[in-house]
Amino acid sequence: MSVLDQGSPLTLETLRRDLDLATAGKEIYARIETLYPICRSITGNGVRETLRIIGGEIELQTREVPTGTRIFDWTVPQEWNIRDAYVRDPNGRRIVDFARSNLHVLNYSAPVEARLRFSELQPHLFSIPEHPDWIPYKTSYYSRNWGFCITERQRQALAADPNIEYDVRIDSTIEDGHLTFGECFLPGRETGEVLFSCHVCHPSLCNDNLSGVSVAVSLARLLAGVPRRYSYRFLFAPGTVGAITWLALNEERAARIQHGLVLACIGDRGNMTYKRSRRGHTEIDRAVEHVLARSGQPHELIDFSPYGYDERQYCSPGFNLAVGVLSRTPHGRFPEYHTSADNLELVAPEPLADSLSKILAVVEVLEGNARYVNTNPKCEPQLGKRGLYASMGGHGDARAKEEAVLWVLNLSDGSHTLLDIAEQSRLPFASIREAASTLQRHQLLSEC
């Protein structure tokens, strides 16, 4: 069953209207289920496997950047891969087992094989005392270390007899290799680009990581099938170092990015949250704010800060791109963040589909926002003789349609965009855009 009603001509205007949200949510969630078991990091085969699966649904170009490549003030790190890891008691029972949860290993752990008492093992154990059944997600990307992330109950069990010796093994490699990222590019009529960026470096974490990845894949599939004004770039890269790598390799291309969103934590049941770009009042900021305001649902708008996801890189002073962050509950504000409780129960099809729908509404605003000039600017044109009143009459929303037409006529002086008019009139952008299309068909508007 398709997420779209195939009875309608496929345009951006009909795309969101005809989207079957129930089916879309199930598809996004099913994709998360597929990607959930994979052990990902900032490099390695987990990222490749994730991109391979994504590439089965959208046209994805994968890039491998060698270890040691200079990327501004950074260097592409060595590649990490892991096959197995455990803490085993004298009876051969795996008390901690990587096969049960890939969060059990400190991400980027160096290889180790040893027999240790609890006192020797203790410095390499990480748990969350206030949530005794949760496994924390910890990393050691840039300092050589090894360790196990365990539940507090597991820690207590290990500490019960300090004289027991445990077999400890992490079968991993850290060696020269590559950093891998993928991008899907959808060309439009204009070379100006809209960027959607999400990180693919987290292991089994559903909201922080996979919700953004999966929604982005669905969005790319939908936009690939409609005419586009802008070109769209979907970047699936490891957090921080991946975005820095892409920017270092694409400085000139980055200048084409006119609008952008980082997608993260958009699958939980919380309200929508938007973090503005560094510039703070760009078209993407205003478009998102307009969509959220017109949704009638609770939401939060927060100003830019240099702490968070890859907006830090896109909004760094040397680039200063118009890139904000769209989330539901932002990172660090839900207790399950960076723990094993960020699982398949934390995300749900309904909020995933709602996030997709709101992003499509933002795209509608960006695609439709333009400046027009009233071709009959001296007093109001006579709408009745052009049949405009008849086309608006007979419906409960006739007054609203008339109001939209009058606002568009009055403010279409070449200096106001349709988004400007929507904001000033407090009318939905879709109503303003429809009014502009109607007036243009009747030769009362000319696009700048």
Protein backbone atom coordinates (compact mmCIF):
# COMPACT_ATOMS: atom_id res chain seq x y z
CA MET A 1 0.00 0.00 0.00
CA SER A 2 1.41 3.37 -0.99
CA VAL A 3 1.77 6.28 1.41
CA LEU A 4 0.18 8.44 -1.29
CA ASP A 5 -3.28 8.53 -2.79
CA GLN A 6 -2.45 7.64 -6.38
CA GLY A 7 -5.67 9.24 -7.63
CA SER A 8 -4.19 12.75 -7.44
CA PRO A 9 -1.60 14.27 -9.78
CA LEU A 10 1.68 14.19 -7.90
CA THR A 11 2.83 17.73 -7.15
CA LEU A 12 4.29 19.25 -4.04
CA GLU A 13 0.91 20.81 -3.30
CA THR A 14 -0.87 17.45 -3.34
CA LEU A 15 2.00 15.51 -1.77
CA ARG A 16 1.36 16.34 1.87
CA ARG A 17 -2.41 16.60 1.43
CA ASP A 18 -2.68 13.07 0.06
CA LEU A 19 -0.06 11.51 2.30
CA ASP A 20 -1.38 8.47 4.14
CA LEU A 21 0.10 9.28 7.56
CA ALA A 22 -0.76 5.91 9.10
CA THR A 23 1.07 4.02 6.35
CA ALA A 24 3.98 6.49 6.32
CA GLY A 25 4.44 6.12 10.08
CA LYS A 26 4.50 2.34 9.83
CA GLU A 27 7.08 2.46 7.02
CA ILE A 28 9.34 4.83 8.97
CA TYR A 29 9.06 2.68 12.09
CA ALA A 30 9.74 -0.54 10.18
CA ARG A 31 12.92 1.01 8.77
CA ILE A 32 14.04 1.87 12.30
CA GLU A 33 13.41 -1.76 13.31
CA THR A 34 15.68 -2.92 10.47
CA LEU A 35 18.51 -0.52 11.34
CA TYR A 36 18.23 -0.85 15.12
CA PRO A 37 20.45 -3.96 15.67
CA ILE A 38 23.45 -2.58 13.75
CA CYS A 39 26.49 -1.49 15.78
CA ARG A 40 27.46 1.89 14.36
CA SER A 41 30.24 4.30 15.24
CA ILE A 42 31.93 7.28 13.58
CA THR A 43 33.68 4.86 11.23
CA GLY A 44 33.49 1.22 10.32
CA ASN A 45 31.35 -1.49 8.85
CA GLY A 46 28.25 -0.57 10.85
CA VAL A 47 28.04 2.75 9.02
CA ARG A 48 28.59 0.99 5.69
CA GLU A 49 25.85 -1.54 6.40
CA THR A 50 23.47 1.24 7.41
CA LEU A 51 24.18 3.17 4.21
CA ARG A 52 23.83 0.00 2.15
CA ILE A 53 20.31 -0.52 3.50
CA ILE A 54 19.40 3.13 2.98
CA GLY A 55 20.82 2.93 -0.54
CA GLY A 56 18.34 0.20 -1.33
CA GLU A 57 15.53 2.76 -1.03
CA ILE A 58 17.02 6.00 -2.35
CA GLU A 59 19.76 6.90 -4.79
CA LEU A 60 22.70 7.23 -2.42
CA GLN A 61 26.29 8.09 -3.25
CA THR A 62 28.75 6.76 -0.69
CA ARG A 63 32.13 8.39 -0.08
CA GLU A 64 35.13 6.83 1.69
CA VAL A 65 37.65 9.31 3.11
CA PRO A 66 41.01 7.82 4.17
CA THR A 67 42.40 7.92 7.69
CA GLY A 68 44.78 10.85 8.14
CA THR A 69 42.97 13.18 5.70
CA ARG A 70 43.17 16.76 6.97
CA ILE A 71 39.74 18.30 7.45
CA PHE A 72 40.26 21.85 8.69
CA ASP A 73 41.63 21.55 12.26
CA TRP A 74 40.73 17.86 12.42
CA THR A 75 42.08 14.64 10.95
CA VAL A 76 40.01 11.67 9.79
CA PRO A 77 40.53 9.09 12.55
CA GLN A 78 41.44 5.45 12.33
CA GLU A 79 38.63 3.05 11.59
CA TRP A 80 37.04 0.97 14.36
CA ASN A 81 35.34 -2.38 13.95
CA ILE A 82 34.20 -4.95 16.49
CA ARG A 83 33.26 -8.60 16.24
CA ASP A 84 32.61 -9.73 19.80
CA ALA A 85 33.03 -8.77 23.45
CA TYR A 86 32.14 -10.24 26.82
CA VAL A 87 32.80 -10.51 30.54
CA ARG A 88 32.68 -14.21 31.47
CA ASP A 89 32.59 -15.84 34.91
CA PRO A 90 34.61 -18.97 35.86
CA ASN A 91 31.69 -21.19 34.79
CA GLY A 92 31.92 -19.84 31.26
CA ARG A 93 28.71 -17.82 31.55
CA ARG A 94 28.75 -14.44 29.79
CA ILE A 95 27.63 -11.96 32.41
CA VAL A 96 28.10 -9.09 29.96
CA ASP A 97 27.61 -9.96 26.29
CA PHE A 98 28.03 -7.69 23.26
CA ALA A 99 25.78 -10.08 21.31
CA ARG A 100 22.85 -9.13 23.56
CA SER A 101 23.36 -5.38 23.25
CA ASN A 102 25.93 -3.49 21.21
CA LEU A 103 25.74 -0.73 23.84
CA HIS A 104 27.56 -3.03 26.25
CA VAL A 105 30.95 -2.03 24.82
CA LEU A 106 32.49 1.41 25.21
CA ASN A 107 32.28 2.60 21.61
CA TYR A 108 35.75 2.64 20.00
CA SER A 109 37.16 0.30 22.67
CA ALA A 110 40.66 -0.95 22.01
CA PRO A 111 41.08 -4.74 21.88
CA VAL A 112 41.69 -6.47 25.20
CA GLU A 113 41.94 -10.05 26.45
CA ALA A 114 42.63 -10.54 30.13
CA ARG A 115 41.60 -12.26 33.39
CA LEU A 116 40.72 -9.63 35.99
CA ARG A 117 39.29 -9.35 39.47
CA PHE A 118 36.46 -6.87 40.03
CA SER A 119 38.83 -4.27 41.50
CA GLU A 120 40.84 -4.34 38.26
CA LEU A 121 37.73 -4.35 36.08
CA GLN A 122 35.92 -1.61 38.00
CA PRO A 123 37.68 1.40 36.33
CA HIS A 124 36.47 0.11 32.97
CA LEU A 125 32.79 -0.25 33.90
CA PHE A 126 30.07 2.35 33.26
CA SER A 127 26.53 2.21 34.63
CA ILE A 128 23.63 4.47 35.67
CA PRO A 129 22.85 4.04 39.40
CA GLU A 130 19.57 5.99 39.18
CA HIS A 131 18.33 3.66 36.40
CA PRO A 132 19.59 0.25 37.49
CA ASP A 133 18.22 -1.63 34.44
CA TRP A 134 19.47 0.73 31.74
CA ILE A 135 22.76 0.45 29.83
CA PRO A 136 24.52 3.77 29.16
CA TYR A 137 25.92 4.72 25.75
CA LYS A 138 29.54 5.85 26.14
CA THR A 139 32.31 6.53 23.65
CA SER A 140 36.07 6.96 23.56
CA TYR A 141 36.63 8.14 20.01
CA TYR A 142 39.78 10.20 20.41
CA SER A 143 41.55 8.67 23.42
CA ARG A 144 42.62 5.04 23.50
CA ASN A 145 40.63 3.17 26.13
CA TRP A 146 38.45 0.12 26.62
CA GLY A 147 35.43 -0.59 28.73
CA PHE A 148 32.01 -2.09 29.24
CA CYS A 149 28.71 -0.29 29.66
CA ILE A 150 26.48 -2.32 31.96
CA THR A 151 23.37 -2.05 34.06
CA GLU A 152 23.79 -1.11 37.71
CA ARG A 153 22.39 -4.53 38.62
CA GLN A 154 25.14 -6.19 36.58
CA ARG A 155 27.74 -4.08 38.37
CA GLN A 156 26.39 -5.17 41.75
CA ALA A 157 26.45 -8.81 40.68
CA LEU A 158 30.07 -8.50 39.56
CA ALA A 159 31.02 -6.83 42.84
CA ALA A 160 29.31 -9.46 45.00
CA ASP A 161 32.46 -11.58 45.29
CA PRO A 162 35.62 -9.47 44.79
CA ASN A 163 37.83 -12.57 44.64
CA ILE A 164 36.30 -14.00 41.47
CA GLU A 165 38.38 -13.63 38.35
CA TYR A 166 36.55 -12.80 35.15
CA ASP A 167 37.61 -13.48 31.59
CA VAL A 168 37.42 -10.18 29.72
CA ARG A 169 37.59 -9.96 25.94
CA ILE A 170 36.96 -7.24 23.37
CA ASP A 171 37.60 -8.47 19.86
CA SER A 172 38.00 -5.16 18.02
CA THR A 173 40.38 -3.40 15.67
CA ILE A 174 41.48 0.22 15.45
CA GLU A 175 43.54 0.71 12.33
CA ASP A 176 43.95 2.87 9.26
CA GLY A 177 40.86 2.77 7.09
CA HIS A 178 38.17 5.23 6.12
CA LEU A 179 35.38 7.48 7.32
CA THR A 180 32.20 6.77 5.35
CA PHE A 181 29.26 9.02 4.59
CA GLY A 182 26.40 8.97 2.12
CA GLU A 183 24.41 11.64 0.33
CA CYS A 184 21.33 11.70 -1.83
CA PHE A 185 21.05 14.65 -4.20
CA LEU A 186 17.81 15.62 -5.91
CA PRO A 187 18.37 18.35 -8.51
CA GLY A 188 15.74 21.07 -8.92
CA ARG A 189 15.08 23.94 -11.31
CA GLU A 190 17.43 26.12 -9.26
CA THR A 191 20.95 25.38 -8.06
CA GLY A 192 20.20 26.70 -4.58
CA GLU A 193 20.04 23.78 -2.17
CA VAL A 194 18.03 22.68 0.85
CA LEU A 195 20.07 20.46 3.18
CA PHE A 196 18.69 17.73 5.42
CA SER A 197 21.38 16.31 7.67
CA CYS A 198 21.28 13.43 10.13
CA HIS A 199 23.96 11.48 11.99
CA VAL A 200 24.56 7.76 11.44
CA CYS A 201 27.16 7.15 14.14
CA HIS A 202 25.08 5.84 17.04
CA PRO A 203 24.55 2.11 17.65
CA SER A 204 21.16 0.84 18.89
CA LEU A 205 19.52 4.18 19.74
CA CYS A 206 16.15 4.84 18.14
CA ASN A 207 15.15 8.44 18.86
CA ASP A 208 18.61 9.96 18.93
CA ASN A 209 19.85 8.78 15.56
CA LEU A 210 17.50 6.44 13.76
CA SER A 211 14.35 8.58 13.88
CA GLY A 212 16.11 11.33 11.92
CA VAL A 213 17.71 8.86 9.53
CA SER A 214 14.47 7.03 8.77
CA VAL A 215 12.32 10.16 8.37
CA ALA A 216 14.97 11.61 6.03
CA VAL A 217 14.82 8.49 3.84
CA SER A 218 11.03 8.74 3.57
CA LEU A 219 11.27 12.46 2.82
CA ALA A 220 13.84 11.87 0.07
CA ARG A 221 11.65 9.18 -1.51
CA LEU A 222 8.64 11.51 -1.55
CA LEU A 223 10.49 14.55 -2.89
CA ALA A 224 12.15 12.47 -5.62
CA GLY A 225 8.73 12.03 -7.22
CA VAL A 226 7.62 15.66 -7.52
CA PRO A 227 8.78 18.72 -9.49
CA ARG A 228 11.18 20.78 -7.38
CA ARG A 229 12.20 24.42 -7.40
CA TYR A 230 15.19 23.86 -5.11
CA SER A 231 17.78 21.12 -5.23
CA TYR A 232 17.73 18.87 -2.16
CA ARG A 233 20.72 17.28 -0.46
CA PHE A 234 20.31 14.54 2.15
CA LEU A 235 23.49 13.91 4.14
CA PHE A 236 23.90 10.75 6.23
CA ALA A 237 27.20 11.19 8.05
CA PRO A 238 28.82 10.45 11.39
CA GLY A 239 28.18 13.20 13.94
CA THR A 240 30.64 16.09 14.17
CA VAL A 241 33.58 14.58 12.28
CA GLY A 242 31.33 13.50 9.40
CA ALA A 243 29.81 16.96 8.92
CA ILE A 244 33.26 18.53 9.21
CA THR A 245 34.55 16.10 6.58
CA TRP A 246 31.72 16.92 4.18
CA LEU A 247 32.24 20.67 4.62
CA ALA A 248 36.01 20.35 4.15
CA LEU A 249 35.50 18.46 0.89
CA ASN A 250 32.69 20.72 -0.35
CA GLU A 251 33.51 24.31 0.61
CA GLU A 252 32.35 25.76 -2.70
CA ARG A 253 29.26 23.56 -2.86
CA ALA A 254 28.31 24.51 0.69
CA ALA A 255 27.77 28.09 -0.49
CA ARG A 256 24.75 26.85 -2.47
CA ILE A 257 22.94 25.75 0.69
CA GLN A 258 20.24 28.35 1.24
CA HIS A 259 18.19 26.50 3.85
CA GLY A 260 18.83 23.47 6.02
CA LEU A 261 17.58 21.32 8.86
CA VAL A 262 19.36 18.85 11.11
CA LEU A 263 16.89 16.06 11.93
CA ALA A 264 17.33 14.35 15.30
CA CYS A 265 15.11 13.02 18.09
CA ILE A 266 11.94 13.32 16.01
CA GLY A 267 10.28 10.00 16.83
CA ASP A 268 9.22 10.30 20.47
CA ARG A 269 5.83 11.46 21.73
CA GLY A 270 6.96 14.91 22.87
CA ASN A 271 5.98 18.22 21.32
CA MET A 272 7.90 19.64 18.36
CA THR A 273 10.95 21.77 19.17
CA TYR A 274 12.83 23.99 16.76
CA LYS A 275 16.30 25.39 17.39
CA ARG A 276 16.96 28.43 15.22
CA SER A 277 20.00 28.88 13.02
CA ARG A 278 22.88 31.03 14.19
CA ARG A 279 21.58 33.89 12.03
CA GLY A 280 18.27 33.56 13.81
CA HIS A 281 15.70 35.05 11.42
CA THR A 282 16.41 33.35 8.12
CA GLU A 283 13.79 32.00 5.77
CA ILE A 284 14.13 28.46 7.16
CA ASP A 285 13.68 29.78 10.70
CA ARG A 286 10.57 31.69 9.71
CA ALA A 287 9.18 28.82 7.63
CA VAL A 288 9.47 26.34 10.50
CA GLU A 289 8.05 28.82 13.00
CA HIS A 290 5.11 29.54 10.68
CA VAL A 291 4.32 25.84 10.21
CA LEU A 292 4.51 25.11 13.93
CA ALA A 293 2.43 28.15 14.82
CA ARG A 294 -0.29 27.20 12.30
CA SER A 295 -0.34 23.56 13.47
CA GLY A 296 -2.34 24.49 16.55
CA GLN A 297 -0.20 22.07 18.58
CA PRO A 298 2.12 22.91 21.50
CA HIS A 299 5.69 23.50 20.42
CA GLU A 300 8.86 25.23 21.55
CA LEU A 301 11.22 27.62 19.77
CA ILE A 302 14.74 27.99 21.12
CA ASP A 303 17.61 30.20 20.04
CA PHE A 304 20.85 28.92 18.58
CA SER A 305 23.64 27.77 20.87
CA PRO A 306 26.98 26.23 19.87
CA TYR A 307 26.10 23.00 21.69
CA GLY A 308 24.13 20.20 20.07
CA TYR A 309 24.32 18.37 16.77
CA ASP A 310 25.91 19.20 13.42
CA GLU A 311 24.29 22.63 13.23
CA ARG A 312 27.43 23.62 15.19
CA GLN A 313 29.49 22.91 12.06
CA TYR A 314 27.08 24.33 9.46
CA CYS A 315 26.60 27.46 11.57
CA SER A 316 30.28 27.93 12.42
CA PRO A 317 31.47 31.48 11.62
CA GLY A 318 33.34 30.44 8.49
CA PHE A 319 30.17 29.00 6.93
CA ASN A 320 27.29 30.57 8.86
CA LEU A 321 24.70 28.61 6.91
CA ALA A 322 20.98 28.94 7.56
CA VAL A 323 20.60 25.56 9.26
CA GLY A 324 18.34 24.89 12.24
CA VAL A 325 17.47 21.75 14.18
CA LEU A 326 14.07 20.07 14.18
CA SER A 327 13.32 17.71 17.06
CA ARG A 328 10.50 16.60 19.24
CA THR A 329 12.03 16.26 22.71
CA PRO A 330 15.55 17.68 22.25
CA HIS A 331 18.70 15.74 23.11
CA GLY A 332 19.44 15.53 26.82
CA ARG A 333 15.87 16.43 27.83
CA PHE A 334 14.47 12.91 27.98
CA PRO A 335 15.82 10.47 30.59
CA GLU A 336 16.29 7.70 28.02
CA TYR A 337 18.80 9.83 26.07
CA HIS A 338 22.03 7.91 25.36
CA THR A 339 20.82 4.78 27.15
CA SER A 340 19.40 1.40 26.19
CA ALA A 341 15.95 2.80 27.03
CA ASP A 342 16.13 4.79 23.77
CA ASN A 343 14.70 1.71 22.14
CA LEU A 344 11.84 0.67 19.88
CA GLU A 345 9.33 1.47 22.63
CA LEU A 346 10.39 5.12 22.88
CA VAL A 347 9.49 5.92 19.26
CA ALA A 348 6.16 5.33 17.57
CA PRO A 349 4.67 5.50 14.06
CA GLU A 350 2.30 8.38 14.85
CA PRO A 351 4.89 10.98 15.97
CA LEU A 352 7.26 9.84 13.21
CA ALA A 353 4.57 10.47 10.61
CA ASP A 354 3.67 13.79 12.22
CA SER A 355 7.30 14.89 12.01
CA LEU A 356 7.41 13.93 8.33
CA SER A 357 4.20 15.86 7.65
CA LYS A 358 5.50 19.00 9.32
CA ILE A 359 8.77 18.82 7.40
CA LEU A 360 6.80 18.54 4.17
CA ALA A 361 4.83 21.62 5.21
CA VAL A 362 8.12 23.49 5.69
CA VAL A 363 9.24 22.37 2.23
CA GLU A 364 5.95 23.67 0.82
CA VAL A 365 6.70 27.09 2.27
CA LEU A 366 10.27 27.15 0.93
CA GLU A 367 9.21 25.97 -2.51
CA GLY A 368 6.28 28.36 -2.80
CA ASN A 369 7.80 31.46 -1.25
CA ALA A 370 8.27 34.14 -3.91
CA ARG A 371 7.85 37.86 -4.56
CA TYR A 372 5.15 39.23 -6.83
CA VAL A 373 4.18 42.58 -8.26
CA ASN A 374 0.55 43.67 -8.48
CA THR A 375 -0.08 44.47 -12.16
CA ASN A 376 -3.07 46.64 -11.26
CA PRO A 377 -1.71 48.50 -8.23
CA LYS A 378 -3.86 51.66 -8.35
CA CYS A 379 -6.81 50.81 -6.11
CA GLU A 380 -8.29 47.34 -5.91
CA PRO A 381 -8.98 45.62 -9.22
CA GLN A 382 -12.59 44.66 -9.85
CA LEU A 383 -12.64 41.02 -8.88
CA GLY A 384 -16.26 40.34 -9.80
CA LYS A 385 -15.88 40.92 -13.52
CA ARG A 386 -13.02 38.42 -13.54
CA GLY A 387 -15.17 35.79 -11.89
CA LEU A 388 -13.02 35.76 -8.76
CA TYR A 389 -15.85 36.39 -6.34
CA ALA A 390 -17.84 33.57 -7.94
CA SER A 391 -14.91 31.18 -7.56
CA MET A 392 -14.63 32.10 -3.88
CA GLY A 393 -18.33 32.16 -3.08
CA GLY A 394 -20.60 29.43 -1.83
CA HIS A 395 -18.13 28.03 0.69
CA GLY A 396 -17.73 28.52 4.40
CA ASP A 397 -14.19 29.74 3.87
CA ALA A 398 -15.13 32.32 1.23
CA ARG A 399 -14.34 35.20 3.57
CA ALA A 400 -10.90 33.75 4.34
CA LYS A 401 -10.17 33.28 0.61
CA GLU A 402 -11.23 36.84 -0.11
CA GLU A 403 -9.08 38.11 2.72
CA ALA A 404 -6.07 36.20 1.37
CA VAL A 405 -6.62 37.66 -2.11
CA LEU A 406 -6.81 41.20 -0.76
CA TRP A 407 -3.69 40.78 1.36
CA VAL A 408 -1.73 39.41 -1.60
CA LEU A 409 -2.87 42.23 -3.86
CA ASN A 410 -2.01 44.88 -1.28
CA LEU A 411 1.45 43.64 -0.31
CA SER A 412 2.64 42.39 -3.70
CA ASP A 413 4.86 45.36 -4.39
CA GLY A 414 8.03 43.43 -5.20
CA SER A 415 9.45 43.78 -1.70
CA HIS A 416 7.25 41.31 0.21
CA THR A 417 7.48 37.55 -0.13
CA LEU A 418 4.45 35.34 0.30
CA LEU A 419 5.84 34.30 3.69
CA ASP A 420 6.01 37.98 4.64
CA ILE A 421 2.35 38.31 3.67
CA ALA A 422 1.37 35.16 5.58
CA GLU A 423 3.09 36.43 8.70
CA GLN A 424 1.59 39.91 8.49
CA SER A 425 -1.92 38.68 7.66
CA ARG A 426 -1.76 35.81 10.18
CA LEU A 427 -3.18 33.56 7.48
CA PRO A 428 -1.84 30.10 6.56
CA PHE A 429 0.90 30.15 3.94
CA ALA A 430 -1.08 27.67 1.85
CA SER A 431 -3.98 30.14 1.66
CA ILE A 432 -1.67 32.97 0.61
CA ARG A 433 0.04 30.76 -1.97
CA GLU A 434 -3.34 29.66 -3.39
CA ALA A 435 -4.48 33.28 -3.62
CA ALA A 436 -1.28 34.24 -5.43
CA SER A 437 -1.73 31.39 -7.93
CA THR A 438 -5.31 32.44 -8.60
CA LEU A 439 -4.35 36.08 -9.12
CA GLN A 440 -1.48 35.11 -11.37
CA ARG A 441 -3.83 33.04 -13.55
CA HIS A 442 -6.00 36.15 -13.91
CA GLN A 443 -2.94 38.25 -14.82
CA LEU A 444 -3.24 40.40 -11.72
CA LEU A 445 0.16 39.31 -10.40
CA SER A 446 3.56 39.01 -12.01
CA GLU A 447 6.33 37.03 -10.30
CA CYS A 448 9.51 38.99 -9.75
